[in-house]
Every structure is written in structure tokens, then in C-alpha cells.
Amino acid sequence: MATYEDFEKLEIVVGKIIDVKEFPEARKPSYKLQIDLGEKIGIKKSCAQLPRNYPIESLLNKQVLCVANFPPRQIGPAVSEVLTLGLPDKENNCILIIPDKEVPLGGRLY
């Protein structure tokens, strides 16, 4: 069983997607994102398998939840600095976890 202390080790924060690019080099349809995680963390890069449910224009300025304290991960020719969180739909494609109201960037999940 995980403990509450284990949960506290994860820095899950809200950010705003400020740029989205196609990522044709990825094995599965993906985008390269730039996410503003607020003053403390700044702007970070992420790679996410979102094209099946999200056209690029629908992602700009969308708030999303990210794990900000994982080490960077090489995804083909790109580096993903944060993990953008989602859940699978019935076809196992990503649906983003988003706040239902606008919240301050960098706010931590509790």
C-alpha cells in the first residue's frame, strides 16, 4: 500500500499549455507541448499522445495537471520534462485531467 507520504513526494501541479507542435517522429500520434507551470517551476516541455481526442487549436491555453518532479525523459528526438496527466477513453486514447475552473498556475494537487 502507498502512504500519504508517498503521495506527497509527487509534485502534481496545474499548468497552461502555451504551445503545441506536431510530433511526427513519435511512434504513436503525439504532440510536443510547452506548458507554463507558474513562476516557481516555469515553462516545461512535454510529449503527449493527444491527437486522437484533441486538435491542436483546442489545446492552446488549456489548463492541465502535470507531474513536475520526474526526471526528464527522452521520447525519440524530443525531451519530455514533465508528465502531462490523463485517463484512457474506451479506445485507450488519452483524455486530459483538467480543473473544471481556472486556477492559479503552479497550484499543487492535494
PDB file of N, CA and C in Angstrom:
ATOM      1  N   MET A   1       0.837  -1.182   0.000  1.00  0.00           N
ATOM      2  CA  MET A   1       0.000   0.000   0.000  1.00  0.00           C
ATOM      3  C   MET A   1       0.883   1.246   0.000  1.00  0.00           C
ATOM      4  N   ALA A   2       0.460   2.234  -0.760  1.00  0.00           N
ATOM      5  CA  ALA A   2       1.142   3.531  -0.744  1.00  0.00           C
ATOM      6  C   ALA A   2       0.687   4.313   0.484  1.00  0.00           C
ATOM      7  N   THR A   3       1.549   5.178   0.944  1.00  0.00           N
ATOM      8  CA  THR A   3       1.211   6.020   2.091  1.00  0.00           C
ATOM      9  C   THR A   3       0.955   7.445   1.620  1.00  0.00           C
ATOM     10  N   TYR A   4       0.391   8.254   2.493  1.00  0.00           N
ATOM     11  CA  TYR A   4       0.186   9.659   2.173  1.00  0.00           C
ATOM     12  C   TYR A   4       1.540  10.335   1.923  1.00  0.00           C
ATOM     13  N   GLU A   5       2.557   9.916   2.643  1.00  0.00           N
ATOM     14  CA  GLU A   5       3.892  10.459   2.436  1.00  0.00           C
ATOM     15  C   GLU A   5       4.395  10.142   1.025  1.00  0.00           C
ATOM     16  N   ASP A   6       4.052   8.959   0.495  1.00  0.00           N
ATOM     17  CA  ASP A   6       4.404   8.626  -0.889  1.00  0.00           C
ATOM     18  C   ASP A   6       3.724   9.593  -1.854  1.00  0.00           C
ATOM     19  N   PHE A   7       2.448   9.864  -1.636  1.00  0.00           N
ATOM     20  CA  PHE A   7       1.701  10.803  -2.473  1.00  0.00           C
ATOM     21  C   PHE A   7       2.333  12.187  -2.429  1.00  0.00           C
ATOM     22  N   GLU A   8       2.747  12.626  -1.245  1.00  0.00           N
ATOM     23  CA  GLU A   8       3.343  13.955  -1.097  1.00  0.00           C
ATOM     24  C   GLU A   8       4.658  14.107  -1.859  1.00  0.00           C
ATOM     25  N   LYS A   9       5.313  13.011  -2.177  1.00  0.00           N
ATOM     26  CA  LYS A   9       6.560  13.073  -2.942  1.00  0.00           C
ATOM     27  C   LYS A   9       6.314  13.511  -4.383  1.00  0.00           C
ATOM     28  N   LEU A  10       5.113  13.271  -4.898  1.00  0.00           N
ATOM     29  CA  LEU A  10       4.784  13.673  -6.261  1.00  0.00           C
ATOM     30  C   LEU A  10       4.381  15.139  -6.281  1.00  0.00           C
ATOM     31  N   GLU A  11       5.013  15.906  -7.140  1.00  0.00           N
ATOM     32  CA  GLU A  11       4.664  17.314  -7.299  1.00  0.00           C
ATOM     33  C   GLU A  11       3.727  17.418  -8.506  1.00  0.00           C
ATOM     34  N   ILE A  12       2.423  17.248  -8.240  1.00  0.00           N
ATOM     35  CA  ILE A  12       1.404  17.320  -9.288  1.00  0.00           C
ATOM     36  C   ILE A  12       0.842  18.735  -9.254  1.00  0.00           C
ATOM     37  N   VAL A  13       1.099  19.471 -10.342  1.00  0.00           N
ATOM     38  CA  VAL A  13       0.727  20.883 -10.390  1.00  0.00           C
ATOM     39  C   VAL A  13      -0.056  21.191 -11.654  1.00  0.00           C
ATOM     40  N   VAL A  14      -0.758  22.332 -11.621  1.00  0.00           N
ATOM     41  CA  VAL A  14      -1.514  22.772 -12.779  1.00  0.00           C
ATOM     42  C   VAL A  14      -0.651  23.711 -13.621  1.00  0.00           C
ATOM     43  N   GLY A  15      -0.760  23.530 -14.923  1.00  0.00           N
ATOM     44  CA  GLY A  15      -0.076  24.397 -15.873  1.00  0.00           C
ATOM     45  C   GLY A  15      -1.006  24.751 -17.011  1.00  0.00           C
ATOM     46  N   LYS A  16      -0.554  25.667 -17.856  1.00  0.00           N
ATOM     47  CA  LYS A  16      -1.336  26.084 -19.024  1.00  0.00           C
ATOM     48  C   LYS A  16      -0.516  25.794 -20.277  1.00  0.00           C
ATOM     49  N   ILE A  17      -1.135  25.103 -21.222  1.00  0.00           N
ATOM     50  CA  ILE A  17      -0.467  24.800 -22.490  1.00  0.00           C
ATOM     51  C   ILE A  17      -0.341  26.096 -23.283  1.00  0.00           C
ATOM     52  N   ILE A  18       0.911  26.474 -23.584  1.00  0.00           N
ATOM     53  CA  ILE A  18       1.125  27.733 -24.297  1.00  0.00           C
ATOM     54  C   ILE A  18       1.616  27.525 -25.730  1.00  0.00           C
ATOM     55  N   ASP A  19       2.008  26.293 -26.075  1.00  0.00           N
ATOM     56  CA  ASP A  19       2.423  25.995 -27.447  1.00  0.00           C
ATOM     57  C   ASP A  19       2.231  24.513 -27.704  1.00  0.00           C
ATOM     58  N   VAL A  20       1.812  24.198 -28.923  1.00  0.00           N
ATOM     59  CA  VAL A  20       1.595  22.804 -29.343  1.00  0.00           C
ATOM     60  C   VAL A  20       2.167  22.640 -30.740  1.00  0.00           C
ATOM     61  N   LYS A  21       2.957  21.592 -30.928  1.00  0.00           N
ATOM     62  CA  LYS A  21       3.529  21.275 -32.236  1.00  0.00           C
ATOM     63  C   LYS A  21       3.259  19.810 -32.551  1.00  0.00           C
ATOM     64  N   GLU A  22       3.098  19.515 -33.840  1.00  0.00           N
ATOM     65  CA  GLU A  22       3.017  18.122 -34.284  1.00  0.00           C
ATOM     66  C   GLU A  22       4.321  17.423 -33.901  1.00  0.00           C
ATOM     67  N   PHE A  23       4.251  16.112 -33.679  1.00  0.00           N
ATOM     68  CA  PHE A  23       5.434  15.322 -33.335  1.00  0.00           C
ATOM     69  C   PHE A  23       5.446  14.075 -34.238  1.00  0.00           C
ATOM     70  N   PRO A  24       5.743  14.278 -35.543  1.00  0.00           N
ATOM     71  CA  PRO A  24       5.656  13.159 -36.491  1.00  0.00           C
ATOM     72  C   PRO A  24       6.675  12.057 -36.246  1.00  0.00           C
ATOM     73  N   GLU A  25       7.750  12.344 -35.516  1.00  0.00           N
ATOM     74  CA  GLU A  25       8.781  11.329 -35.257  1.00  0.00           C
ATOM     75  C   GLU A  25       8.357  10.323 -34.188  1.00  0.00           C
ATOM     76  N   ALA A  26       7.315  10.627 -33.440  1.00  0.00           N
ATOM     77  CA  ALA A  26       6.862   9.724 -32.370  1.00  0.00           C
ATOM     78  C   ALA A  26       6.283   8.440 -32.969  1.00  0.00           C
ATOM     79  N   ARG A  27       6.409   7.347 -32.237  1.00  0.00           N
ATOM     80  CA  ARG A  27       5.869   6.054 -32.699  1.00  0.00           C
ATOM     81  C   ARG A  27       4.355   6.060 -32.768  1.00  0.00           C
ATOM     82  N   LYS A  28       3.702   6.723 -31.810  1.00  0.00           N
ATOM     83  CA  LYS A  28       2.243   6.850 -31.795  1.00  0.00           C
ATOM     84  C   LYS A  28       1.904   8.325 -31.990  1.00  0.00           C
ATOM     85  N   PRO A  29       0.744   8.638 -32.566  1.00  0.00           N
ATOM     86  CA  PRO A  29       0.397  10.049 -32.787  1.00  0.00           C
ATOM     87  C   PRO A  29       0.530  10.867 -31.503  1.00  0.00           C
ATOM     88  N   SER A  30       1.342  11.923 -31.568  1.00  0.00           N
ATOM     89  CA  SER A  30       1.661  12.715 -30.376  1.00  0.00           C
ATOM     90  C   SER A  30       1.871  14.178 -30.748  1.00  0.00           C
ATOM     91  N   TYR A  31       1.871  14.999 -29.703  1.00  0.00           N
ATOM     92  CA  TYR A  31       2.218  16.411 -29.820  1.00  0.00           C
ATOM     93  C   TYR A  31       3.379  16.711 -28.886  1.00  0.00           C
ATOM     94  N   LYS A  32       4.129  17.763 -29.229  1.00  0.00           N
ATOM     95  CA  LYS A  32       5.114  18.356 -28.328  1.00  0.00           C
ATOM     96  C   LYS A  32       4.447  19.595 -27.738  1.00  0.00           C
ATOM     97  N   LEU A  33       4.422  19.665 -26.425  1.00  0.00           N
ATOM     98  CA  LEU A  33       3.754  20.757 -25.721  1.00  0.00           C
ATOM     99  C   LEU A  33       4.775  21.606 -24.970  1.00  0.00           C
ATOM    100  N   GLN A  34       4.454  22.888 -24.827  1.00  0.00           N
ATOM    101  CA  GLN A  34       5.141  23.743 -23.873  1.00  0.00           C
ATOM    102  C   GLN A  34       4.081  24.156 -22.874  1.00  0.00           C
ATOM    103  N   ILE A  35       4.386  23.946 -21.596  1.00  0.00           N
ATOM    104  CA  ILE A  35       3.407  24.170 -20.536  1.00  0.00           C
ATOM    105  C   ILE A  35       3.985  25.140 -19.512  1.00  0.00           C
ATOM    106  N   ASP A  36       3.237  26.212 -19.244  1.00  0.00           N
ATOM    107  CA  ASP A  36       3.625  27.184 -18.228  1.00  0.00           C
ATOM    108  C   ASP A  36       3.119  26.682 -16.881  1.00  0.00           C
ATOM    109  N   LEU A  37       4.043  26.344 -15.992  1.00  0.00           N
ATOM    110  CA  LEU A  37       3.703  25.811 -14.676  1.00  0.00           C
ATOM    111  C   LEU A  37       3.836  26.862 -13.571  1.00  0.00           C
ATOM    112  N   GLY A  38       3.821  28.124 -13.952  1.00  0.00           N
ATOM    113  CA  GLY A  38       3.871  29.193 -12.967  1.00  0.00           C
ATOM    114  C   GLY A  38       5.285  29.653 -12.668  1.00  0.00           C
ATOM    115  N   GLU A  39       5.378  30.691 -11.835  1.00  0.00           N
ATOM    116  CA  GLU A  39       6.657  31.337 -11.540  1.00  0.00           C
ATOM    117  C   GLU A  39       7.695  30.399 -10.935  1.00  0.00           C
ATOM    118  N   LYS A  40       7.294  29.557 -10.007  1.00  0.00           N
ATOM    119  CA  LYS A  40       8.244  28.699  -9.284  1.00  0.00           C
ATOM    120  C   LYS A  40       8.919  27.676 -10.209  1.00  0.00           C
ATOM    121  N   ILE A  41       8.149  27.073 -11.118  1.00  0.00           N
ATOM    122  CA  ILE A  41       8.676  25.994 -11.970  1.00  0.00           C
ATOM    123  C   ILE A  41       9.030  26.508 -13.361  1.00  0.00           C
ATOM    124  N   GLY A  42       8.224  27.399 -13.900  1.00  0.00           N
ATOM    125  CA  GLY A  42       8.491  27.960 -15.225  1.00  0.00           C
ATOM    126  C   GLY A  42       7.859  27.162 -16.352  1.00  0.00           C
ATOM    127  N   ILE A  43       8.373  27.353 -17.545  1.00  0.00           N
ATOM    128  CA  ILE A  43       7.859  26.693 -18.747  1.00  0.00           C
ATOM    129  C   ILE A  43       8.637  25.406 -18.972  1.00  0.00           C
ATOM    130  N   LYS A  44       7.894  24.315 -19.154  1.00  0.00           N
ATOM    131  CA  LYS A  44       8.500  22.994 -19.350  1.00  0.00           C
ATOM    132  C   LYS A  44       7.931  22.350 -20.605  1.00  0.00           C
ATOM    133  N   LYS A  45       8.696  21.392 -21.155  1.00  0.00           N
ATOM    134  CA  LYS A  45       8.278  20.645 -22.337  1.00  0.00           C
ATOM    135  C   LYS A  45       7.654  19.311 -21.920  1.00  0.00           C
ATOM    136  N   SER A  46       6.700  18.871 -22.734  1.00  0.00           N
ATOM    137  CA  SER A  46       6.076  17.570 -22.514  1.00  0.00           C
ATOM    138  C   SER A  46       5.699  16.979 -23.866  1.00  0.00           C
ATOM    139  N   CYS A  47       5.705  15.668 -23.959  1.00  0.00           N
ATOM    140  CA  CYS A  47       5.226  14.955 -25.146  1.00  0.00           C
ATOM    141  C   CYS A  47       4.000  14.158 -24.712  1.00  0.00           C
ATOM    142  N   ALA A  48       2.938  14.245 -25.501  1.00  0.00           N
ATOM    143  CA  ALA A  48       1.703  13.575 -25.090  1.00  0.00           C
ATOM    144  C   ALA A  48       0.956  13.027 -26.300  1.00  0.00           C
ATOM    145  N   GLN A  49       0.367  11.848 -26.114  1.00  0.00           N
ATOM    146  CA  GLN A  49      -0.405  11.187 -27.168  1.00  0.00           C
ATOM    147  C   GLN A  49      -1.843  11.721 -27.147  1.00  0.00           C
ATOM    148  N   LEU A  50      -2.041  12.882 -27.754  1.00  0.00           N
ATOM    149  CA  LEU A  50      -3.337  13.565 -27.686  1.00  0.00           C
ATOM    150  C   LEU A  50      -4.079  13.729 -29.010  1.00  0.00           C
ATOM    151  N   PRO A  51      -3.453  13.521 -30.187  1.00  0.00           N
ATOM    152  CA  PRO A  51      -4.140  13.857 -31.437  1.00  0.00           C
ATOM    153  C   PRO A  51      -5.481  13.162 -31.679  1.00  0.00           C
ATOM    154  N   ARG A  52      -5.693  11.994 -31.126  1.00  0.00           N
ATOM    155  CA  ARG A  52      -6.960  11.293 -31.374  1.00  0.00           C
ATOM    156  C   ARG A  52      -8.155  12.020 -30.755  1.00  0.00           C
ATOM    157  N   ASN A  53      -7.941  12.758 -29.673  1.00  0.00           N
ATOM    158  CA  ASN A  53      -9.043  13.440 -28.991  1.00  0.00           C
ATOM    159  C   ASN A  53      -8.959  14.966 -29.000  1.00  0.00           C
ATOM    160  N   TYR A  54      -7.803  15.523 -29.393  1.00  0.00           N
ATOM    161  CA  TYR A  54      -7.624  16.967 -29.299  1.00  0.00           C
ATOM    162  C   TYR A  54      -6.943  17.532 -30.536  1.00  0.00           C
ATOM    163  N   PRO A  55      -7.649  18.337 -31.339  1.00  0.00           N
ATOM    164  CA  PRO A  55      -6.942  19.081 -32.379  1.00  0.00           C
ATOM    165  C   PRO A  55      -6.048  20.134 -31.709  1.00  0.00           C
ATOM    166  N   ILE A  56      -4.979  20.510 -32.374  1.00  0.00           N
ATOM    167  CA  ILE A  56      -4.009  21.443 -31.789  1.00  0.00           C
ATOM    168  C   ILE A  56      -4.679  22.684 -31.227  1.00  0.00           C
ATOM    169  N   GLU A  57      -5.555  23.306 -31.999  1.00  0.00           N
ATOM    170  CA  GLU A  57      -6.159  24.577 -31.562  1.00  0.00           C
ATOM    171  C   GLU A  57      -6.987  24.434 -30.291  1.00  0.00           C
ATOM    172  N   SER A  58      -7.476  23.254 -29.985  1.00  0.00           N
ATOM    173  CA  SER A  58      -8.273  23.062 -28.770  1.00  0.00           C
ATOM    174  C   SER A  58      -7.403  22.984 -27.512  1.00  0.00           C
ATOM    175  N   LEU A  59      -6.095  22.797 -27.697  1.00  0.00           N
ATOM    176  CA  LEU A  59      -5.197  22.637 -26.553  1.00  0.00           C
ATOM    177  C   LEU A  59      -4.583  23.946 -26.062  1.00  0.00           C
ATOM    178  N   LEU A  60      -4.468  24.918 -26.939  1.00  0.00           N
ATOM    179  CA  LEU A  60      -3.843  26.182 -26.548  1.00  0.00           C
ATOM    180  C   LEU A  60      -4.613  26.843 -25.417  1.00  0.00           C
ATOM    181  N   ASN A  61      -3.892  27.245 -24.385  1.00  0.00           N
ATOM    182  CA  ASN A  61      -4.423  27.908 -23.189  1.00  0.00           C
ATOM    183  C   ASN A  61      -5.251  26.993 -22.287  1.00  0.00           C
ATOM    184  N   LYS A  62      -5.249  25.699 -22.549  1.00  0.00           N
ATOM    185  CA  LYS A  62      -5.957  24.742 -21.689  1.00  0.00           C
ATOM    186  C   LYS A  62      -5.114  24.459 -20.447  1.00  0.00           C
ATOM    187  N   GLN A  63      -5.757  24.461 -19.285  1.00  0.00           N
ATOM    188  CA  GLN A  63      -5.059  24.083 -18.063  1.00  0.00           C
ATOM    189  C   GLN A  63      -5.053  22.562 -17.934  1.00  0.00           C
ATOM    190  N   VAL A  64      -3.906  22.025 -17.505  1.00  0.00           N
ATOM    191  CA  VAL A  64      -3.722  20.579 -17.374  1.00  0.00           C
ATOM    192  C   VAL A  64      -2.949  20.281 -16.096  1.00  0.00           C
ATOM    193  N   LEU A  65      -3.045  19.050 -15.632  1.00  0.00           N
ATOM    194  CA  LEU A  65      -2.257  18.605 -14.481  1.00  0.00           C
ATOM    195  C   LEU A  65      -1.011  17.885 -14.974  1.00  0.00           C
ATOM    196  N   CYS A  66       0.109  18.148 -14.305  1.00  0.00           N
ATOM    197  CA  CYS A  66       1.394  17.557 -14.682  1.00  0.00           C
ATOM    198  C   CYS A  66       2.155  17.103 -13.440  1.00  0.00           C
ATOM    199  N   VAL A  67       2.928  16.029 -13.594  1.00  0.00           N
ATOM    200  CA  VAL A  67       3.888  15.653 -12.568  1.00  0.00           C
ATOM    201  C   VAL A  67       5.173  16.394 -12.927  1.00  0.00           C
ATOM    202  N   ALA A  68       5.584  17.299 -12.042  1.00  0.00           N
ATOM    203  CA  ALA A  68       6.700  18.195 -12.346  1.00  0.00           C
ATOM    204  C   ALA A  68       8.032  17.723 -11.791  1.00  0.00           C
ATOM    205  N   ASN A  69       8.055  16.671 -10.973  1.00  0.00           N
ATOM    206  CA  ASN A  69       9.326  16.276 -10.363  1.00  0.00           C
ATOM    207  C   ASN A  69       9.811  14.883 -10.773  1.00  0.00           C
ATOM    208  N   PHE A  70       9.410  14.425 -11.961  1.00  0.00           N
ATOM    209  CA  PHE A  70      10.048  13.245 -12.544  1.00  0.00           C
ATOM    210  C   PHE A  70      11.288  13.718 -13.301  1.00  0.00           C
ATOM    211  N   PRO A  71      12.287  12.860 -13.474  1.00  0.00           N
ATOM    212  CA  PRO A  71      13.434  13.266 -14.292  1.00  0.00           C
ATOM    213  C   PRO A  71      13.019  13.390 -15.762  1.00  0.00           C
ATOM    214  N   PRO A  72      13.720  14.229 -16.538  1.00  0.00           N
ATOM    215  CA  PRO A  72      13.407  14.335 -17.971  1.00  0.00           C
ATOM    216  C   PRO A  72      13.505  12.974 -18.651  1.00  0.00           C
ATOM    217  N   ARG A  73      12.689  12.791 -19.690  1.00  0.00           N
ATOM    218  CA  ARG A  73      12.648  11.503 -20.394  1.00  0.00           C
ATOM    219  C   ARG A  73      12.795  11.749 -21.889  1.00  0.00           C
ATOM    220  N   GLN A  74      13.691  10.996 -22.507  1.00  0.00           N
ATOM    221  CA  GLN A  74      13.899  11.105 -23.947  1.00  0.00           C
ATOM    222  C   GLN A  74      12.773  10.365 -24.667  1.00  0.00           C
ATOM    223  N   ILE A  75      12.069  11.079 -25.549  1.00  0.00           N
ATOM    224  CA  ILE A  75      10.998  10.487 -26.358  1.00  0.00           C
ATOM    225  C   ILE A  75      11.412  10.697 -27.817  1.00  0.00           C
ATOM    226  N   GLY A  76      12.054   9.707 -28.413  1.00  0.00           N
ATOM    227  CA  GLY A  76      12.590   9.887 -29.764  1.00  0.00           C
ATOM    228  C   GLY A  76      13.563  11.057 -29.748  1.00  0.00           C
ATOM    229  N   PRO A  77      13.409  12.013 -30.674  1.00  0.00           N
ATOM    230  CA  PRO A  77      14.331  13.150 -30.716  1.00  0.00           C
ATOM    231  C   PRO A  77      13.974  14.278 -29.735  1.00  0.00           C
ATOM    232  N   ALA A  78      12.922  14.122 -28.961  1.00  0.00           N
ATOM    233  CA  ALA A  78      12.470  15.174 -28.037  1.00  0.00           C
ATOM    234  C   ALA A  78      12.720  14.759 -26.588  1.00  0.00           C
ATOM    235  N   VAL A  79      12.735  15.756 -25.706  1.00  0.00           N
ATOM    236  CA  VAL A  79      12.857  15.516 -24.268  1.00  0.00           C
ATOM    237  C   VAL A  79      11.562  15.983 -23.612  1.00  0.00           C
ATOM    238  N   SER A  80      10.989  15.120 -22.785  1.00  0.00           N
ATOM    239  CA  SER A  80       9.791  15.461 -22.029  1.00  0.00           C
ATOM    240  C   SER A  80      10.221  15.743 -20.592  1.00  0.00           C
ATOM    241  N   GLU A  81       9.968  16.972 -20.137  1.00  0.00           N
ATOM    242  CA  GLU A  81      10.427  17.388 -18.805  1.00  0.00           C
ATOM    243  C   GLU A  81       9.374  17.183 -17.726  1.00  0.00           C
ATOM    244  N   VAL A  82       8.105  17.124 -18.118  1.00  0.00           N
ATOM    245  CA  VAL A  82       7.014  16.865 -17.169  1.00  0.00           C
ATOM    246  C   VAL A  82       6.064  15.846 -17.782  1.00  0.00           C
ATOM    247  N   LEU A  83       5.378  15.113 -16.929  1.00  0.00           N
ATOM    248  CA  LEU A  83       4.382  14.144 -17.372  1.00  0.00           C
ATOM    249  C   LEU A  83       3.018  14.808 -17.321  1.00  0.00           C
ATOM    250  N   THR A  84       2.388  14.955 -18.488  1.00  0.00           N
ATOM    251  CA  THR A  84       1.038  15.507 -18.570  1.00  0.00           C
ATOM    252  C   THR A  84       0.066  14.368 -18.274  1.00  0.00           C
ATOM    253  N   LEU A  85      -0.834  14.580 -17.319  1.00  0.00           N
ATOM    254  CA  LEU A  85      -1.693  13.501 -16.833  1.00  0.00           C
ATOM    255  C   LEU A  85      -2.998  13.378 -17.607  1.00  0.00           C
ATOM    256  N   GLY A  86      -3.415  12.143 -17.809  1.00  0.00           N
ATOM    257  CA  GLY A  86      -4.674  11.859 -18.492  1.00  0.00           C
ATOM    258  C   GLY A  86      -5.200  10.502 -18.079  1.00  0.00           C
ATOM    259  N   LEU A  87      -6.367  10.202 -18.608  1.00  0.00           N
ATOM    260  CA  LEU A  87      -7.030   8.913 -18.382  1.00  0.00           C
ATOM    261  C   LEU A  87      -7.413   8.330 -19.738  1.00  0.00           C
ATOM    262  N   PRO A  88      -7.501   6.988 -19.845  1.00  0.00           N
ATOM    263  CA  PRO A  88      -7.864   6.398 -21.132  1.00  0.00           C
ATOM    264  C   PRO A  88      -9.367   6.477 -21.388  1.00  0.00           C
ATOM    265  N   ASP A  89      -9.720   6.791 -22.651  1.00  0.00           N
ATOM    266  CA  ASP A  89     -11.123   6.678 -23.045  1.00  0.00           C
ATOM    267  C   ASP A  89     -11.398   5.211 -23.400  1.00  0.00           C
ATOM    268  N   LYS A  90     -12.556   4.907 -23.944  1.00  0.00           N
ATOM    269  CA  LYS A  90     -12.879   3.493 -24.207  1.00  0.00           C
ATOM    270  C   LYS A  90     -12.028   2.876 -25.315  1.00  0.00           C
ATOM    271  N   GLU A  91     -11.346   3.703 -26.119  1.00  0.00           N
ATOM    272  CA  GLU A  91     -10.408   3.184 -27.122  1.00  0.00           C
ATOM    273  C   GLU A  91      -8.959   3.271 -26.643  1.00  0.00           C
ATOM    274  N   ASN A  92      -8.766   3.583 -25.367  1.00  0.00           N
ATOM    275  CA  ASN A  92      -7.443   3.691 -24.738  1.00  0.00           C
ATOM    276  C   ASN A  92      -6.646   4.898 -25.218  1.00  0.00           C
ATOM    277  N   ASN A  93      -7.354   5.952 -25.657  1.00  0.00           N
ATOM    278  CA  ASN A  93      -6.712   7.209 -26.046  1.00  0.00           C
ATOM    279  C   ASN A  93      -6.830   8.195 -24.892  1.00  0.00           C
ATOM    280  N   CYS A  94      -5.860   9.084 -24.782  1.00  0.00           N
ATOM    281  CA  CYS A  94      -5.752   9.979 -23.638  1.00  0.00           C
ATOM    282  C   CYS A  94      -6.831  11.058 -23.593  1.00  0.00           C
ATOM    283  N   ILE A  95      -7.443  11.183 -22.428  1.00  0.00           N
ATOM    284  CA  ILE A  95      -8.319  12.302 -22.070  1.00  0.00           C
ATOM    285  C   ILE A  95      -7.606  13.036 -20.942  1.00  0.00           C
ATOM    286  N   LEU A  96      -7.318  14.314 -21.155  1.00  0.00           N
ATOM    287  CA  LEU A  96      -6.565  15.091 -20.166  1.00  0.00           C
ATOM    288  C   LEU A  96      -7.329  15.270 -18.862  1.00  0.00           C
ATOM    289  N   ILE A  97      -6.583  15.334 -17.772  1.00  0.00           N
ATOM    290  CA  ILE A  97      -7.149  15.691 -16.471  1.00  0.00           C
ATOM    291  C   ILE A  97      -7.010  17.210 -16.350  1.00  0.00           C
ATOM    292  N   ILE A  98      -8.148  17.883 -16.262  1.00  0.00           N
ATOM    293  CA  ILE A  98      -8.142  19.347 -16.240  1.00  0.00           C
ATOM    294  C   ILE A  98      -9.020  19.845 -15.090  1.00  0.00           C
ATOM    295  N   PRO A  99      -8.662  21.009 -14.506  1.00  0.00           N
ATOM    296  CA  PRO A  99      -9.550  21.583 -13.487  1.00  0.00           C
ATOM    297  C   PRO A  99     -10.830  22.085 -14.148  1.00  0.00           C
ATOM    298  N   ASP A 100     -11.950  22.031 -13.426  1.00  0.00           N
ATOM    299  CA  ASP A 100     -13.210  22.478 -14.021  1.00  0.00           C
ATOM    300  C   ASP A 100     -13.412  23.989 -13.909  1.00  0.00           C
ATOM    301  N   LYS A 101     -12.489  24.682 -13.215  1.00  0.00           N
ATOM    302  CA  LYS A 101     -12.475  26.140 -13.157  1.00  0.00           C
ATOM    303  C   LYS A 101     -11.030  26.594 -13.293  1.00  0.00           C
ATOM    304  N   GLU A 102     -10.833  27.817 -13.764  1.00  0.00           N
ATOM    305  CA  GLU A 102      -9.488  28.391 -13.877  1.00  0.00           C
ATOM    306  C   GLU A 102      -8.861  28.493 -12.483  1.00  0.00           C
ATOM    307  N   VAL A 103      -7.621  28.028 -12.363  1.00  0.00           N
ATOM    308  CA  VAL A 103      -6.903  28.086 -11.086  1.00  0.00           C
ATOM    309  C   VAL A 103      -5.517  28.690 -11.319  1.00  0.00           C
ATOM    310  N   PRO A 104      -4.863  29.203 -10.273  1.00  0.00           N
ATOM    311  CA  PRO A 104      -3.530  29.784 -10.442  1.00  0.00           C
ATOM    312  C   PRO A 104      -2.523  28.737 -10.917  1.00  0.00           C
ATOM    313  N   LEU A 105      -1.679  29.131 -11.888  1.00  0.00           N
ATOM    314  CA  LEU A 105      -0.657  28.225 -12.406  1.00  0.00           C
ATOM    315  C   LEU A 105       0.329  27.850 -11.315  1.00  0.00           C
ATOM    316  N   GLY A 106       0.723  26.587 -11.320  1.00  0.00           N
ATOM    317  CA  GLY A 106       1.658  26.082 -10.317  1.00  0.00           C
ATOM    318  C   GLY A 106       0.977  25.539  -9.080  1.00  0.00           C
ATOM    319  N   GLY A 107      -0.359  25.693  -8.990  1.00  0.00           N
ATOM    320  CA  GLY A 107      -1.084  25.164  -7.840  1.00  0.00           C
ATOM    321  C   GLY A 107      -0.904  23.661  -7.734  1.00  0.00           C
ATOM    322  N   ARG A 108      -0.670  23.193  -6.535  1.00  0.00           N
ATOM    323  CA  ARG A 108      -0.373  21.780  -6.304  1.00  0.00           C
ATOM    324  C   ARG A 108      -1.630  20.993  -5.928  1.00  0.00           C
ATOM    325  N   LEU A 109      -1.749  19.802  -6.519  1.00  0.00           N
ATOM    326  CA  LEU A 109      -2.857  18.889  -6.211  1.00  0.00           C
ATOM    327  C   LEU A 109      -2.745  18.425  -4.764  1.00  0.00           C
ATOM    328  N   TYR A 110      -3.873  18.433  -4.054  1.00  0.00           N
ATOM    329  CA  TYR A 110      -3.902  17.867  -2.698  1.00  0.00           C
ATOM    330  C   TYR A 110      -5.191  17.131  -2.488  1.00  0.00           C
TER     331      TYR A 110
END
